[in-house]
C-alpha atoms as a PDB file:
ATOM      1  CA  MET A   1     -15.329  -6.325  33.016  1.00  0.00           C
ATOM      2  CA  LYS A   2     -12.933  -8.701  31.285  1.00  0.00           C
ATOM      3  CA  PHE A   3     -15.799 -10.305  29.375  1.00  0.00           C
ATOM      4  CA  TYR A   4     -16.874  -6.963  27.912  1.00  0.00           C
ATOM      5  CA  LEU A   5     -13.304  -6.145  26.908  1.00  0.00           C
ATOM      6  CA  ILE A   6     -12.953  -9.469  25.089  1.00  0.00           C
ATOM      7  CA  VAL A   7     -16.271  -8.969  23.286  1.00  0.00           C
ATOM      8  CA  PHE A   8     -15.220  -5.445  22.273  1.00  0.00           C
ATOM      9  CA  ILE A   9     -11.872  -6.661  20.933  1.00  0.00           C
ATOM     10  CA  CYS A  10     -13.547  -9.499  18.996  1.00  0.00           C
ATOM     11  CA  LYS A  11     -16.140  -7.185  17.469  1.00  0.00           C
ATOM     12  CA  LYS A  12     -13.456  -4.625  16.621  1.00  0.00           C
ATOM     13  CA  ASN A  13     -11.383  -7.291  14.875  1.00  0.00           C
ATOM     14  CA  ASP A  14     -14.444  -8.537  12.960  1.00  0.00           C
ATOM     15  CA  TYR A  15     -15.176  -4.978  11.888  1.00  0.00           C
ATOM     16  CA  LEU A  16     -11.602  -4.270  10.804  1.00  0.00           C
ATOM     17  CA  ASN A  17     -11.376  -7.563   8.918  1.00  0.00           C
ATOM     18  CA  GLY A  18     -14.614  -6.697   7.100  1.00  0.00           C
ATOM     19  CA  ILE A  19     -13.262  -3.464   5.612  1.00  0.00           C
ATOM     20  CA  LYS A  20     -12.510  -3.831   1.927  1.00  0.00           C
ATOM     21  CA  PRO A  21     -10.357  -0.888   0.864  1.00  0.00           C
ATOM     22  CA  GLN A  22     -10.219  -2.021  -2.769  1.00  0.00           C
ATOM     23  CA  LEU A  23     -13.551  -0.261  -3.315  1.00  0.00           C
ATOM     24  CA  ALA A  24     -12.150   3.076  -2.087  1.00  0.00           C
ATOM     25  CA  ASP A  25     -10.354   3.761  -5.388  1.00  0.00           C
ATOM     26  CA  ILE A  26     -13.486   2.901  -7.326  1.00  0.00           C
ATOM     27  CA  THR A  27     -15.572   5.232  -5.172  1.00  0.00           C
ATOM     28  CA  TYR A  28     -13.024   8.024  -5.544  1.00  0.00           C
ATOM     29  CA  SER A  29     -13.016   7.621  -9.337  1.00  0.00           C
ATOM     30  CA  TRP A  30     -16.828   7.676  -9.426  1.00  0.00           C
ATOM     31  CA  CYS A  31     -16.860  10.893  -7.386  1.00  0.00           C
ATOM     32  CA  ASN A  32     -14.389  12.431  -9.821  1.00  0.00           C
ATOM     33  CA  GLY A  33     -16.645  11.763 -12.801  1.00  0.00           C
ATOM     34  CA  ALA A  34     -15.550   8.366 -14.133  1.00  0.00           C
ATOM     35  CA  ASN A  35     -18.344   6.522 -15.900  1.00  0.00           C
ATOM     36  CA  PHE A  36     -19.498   3.068 -14.866  1.00  0.00           C
ATOM     37  CA  ALA A  37     -17.704   1.272 -17.710  1.00  0.00           C
ATOM     38  CA  GLU A  38     -14.380   2.815 -16.675  1.00  0.00           C
ATOM     39  CA  ILE A  39     -14.945   1.815 -13.071  1.00  0.00           C
ATOM     40  CA  CYS A  40     -15.783  -1.764 -14.026  1.00  0.00           C
ATOM     41  CA  LYS A  41     -12.486  -2.006 -15.926  1.00  0.00           C
ATOM     42  CA  MET A  42     -10.568  -0.935 -12.810  1.00  0.00           C
ATOM     43  CA  THR A  43     -11.517  -3.994 -10.765  1.00  0.00           C
ATOM     44  CA  ASP A  44     -12.663  -7.592 -10.873  1.00  0.00           C
ATOM     45  CA  VAL A  45     -15.450  -6.887  -8.359  1.00  0.00           C
ATOM     46  CA  PHE A  46     -18.904  -7.761  -9.694  1.00  0.00           C
ATOM     47  CA  GLU A  47     -20.953  -4.846 -11.019  1.00  0.00           C
ATOM     48  CA  GLY A  48     -23.747  -5.540  -8.540  1.00  0.00           C
ATOM     49  CA  SER A  49     -21.312  -5.303  -5.648  1.00  0.00           C
ATOM     50  CA  ILE A  50     -20.101  -1.921  -6.885  1.00  0.00           C
ATOM     51  CA  ILE A  51     -23.659  -0.627  -7.131  1.00  0.00           C
ATOM     52  CA  ARG A  52     -24.510  -1.991  -3.678  1.00  0.00           C
ATOM     53  CA  CYS A  53     -21.415  -0.293  -2.241  1.00  0.00           C
ATOM     54  CA  MET A  54     -22.373   3.053  -3.786  1.00  0.00           C
ATOM     55  CA  ARG A  55     -25.966   2.786  -2.548  1.00  0.00           C
ATOM     56  CA  ARG A  56     -24.844   1.947   0.985  1.00  0.00           C
ATOM     57  CA  LEU A  57     -22.463   4.907   0.939  1.00  0.00           C
ATOM     58  CA  ASP A  58     -25.239   7.193  -0.287  1.00  0.00           C
ATOM     59  CA  GLU A  59     -27.561   5.971   2.468  1.00  0.00           C
ATOM     60  CA  MET A  60     -24.884   6.462   5.121  1.00  0.00           C
ATOM     61  CA  LEU A  61     -24.226  10.031   3.971  1.00  0.00           C
ATOM     62  CA  LYS A  62     -27.953  10.797   4.087  1.00  0.00           C
ATOM     63  CA  GLN A  63     -28.083   9.438   7.633  1.00  0.00           C
ATOM     64  CA  LEU A  64     -25.144  11.650   8.619  1.00  0.00           C
ATOM     65  CA  VAL A  65     -27.004  14.696   7.328  1.00  0.00           C
ATOM     66  CA  ASP A  66     -30.151  13.651   9.215  1.00  0.00           C
ATOM     67  CA  ALA A  67     -28.143  13.067  12.396  1.00  0.00           C
ATOM     68  CA  SER A  68     -26.560  16.515  12.076  1.00  0.00           C
ATOM     69  CA  LYS A  69     -29.996  18.076  11.744  1.00  0.00           C
ATOM     70  CA  THR A  70     -31.280  16.134  14.737  1.00  0.00           C
ATOM     71  CA  ILE A  71     -28.472  17.113  17.103  1.00  0.00           C
ATOM     72  CA  GLY A  72     -28.341  20.652  15.770  1.00  0.00           C
ATOM     73  CA  ASN A  73     -24.737  20.589  14.674  1.00  0.00           C
ATOM     74  CA  ILE A  74     -24.869  23.404  12.124  1.00  0.00           C
ATOM     75  CA  VAL A  75     -21.164  23.310  11.204  1.00  0.00           C
ATOM     76  CA  ASN A  76     -21.306  19.600  10.422  1.00  0.00           C
ATOM     77  CA  LEU A  77     -24.592  19.994   8.561  1.00  0.00           C
ATOM     78  CA  LEU A  78     -23.226  22.783   6.375  1.00  0.00           C
ATOM     79  CA  PHE A  79     -20.169  20.674   5.559  1.00  0.00           C
ATOM     80  CA  TRP A  80     -22.284  17.748   4.358  1.00  0.00           C
ATOM     81  CA  ILE A  81     -24.676  19.929   2.370  1.00  0.00           C
ATOM     82  CA  LYS A  82     -21.799  21.831   0.751  1.00  0.00           C
ATOM     83  CA  ASN A  83     -19.983  18.681  -0.301  1.00  0.00           C
END
């Protein structure tokens, strides 16, 4: 049991250390209608990294919608379709 706990803590720390919140502001601006040139001026992150981040987010949101359909969670599905 101790081994599993250590592995969980290590993986959790790796996950938390991998989060890059500096892209959250960029994503928020994009969702509020900022164009790509404005977003690029907000950060020193490479343009390709911004695009990759947005594509991964889009794919994750599509998977959430598909998961909601699969499990039959209508409330969650309606939330994702609405927004």
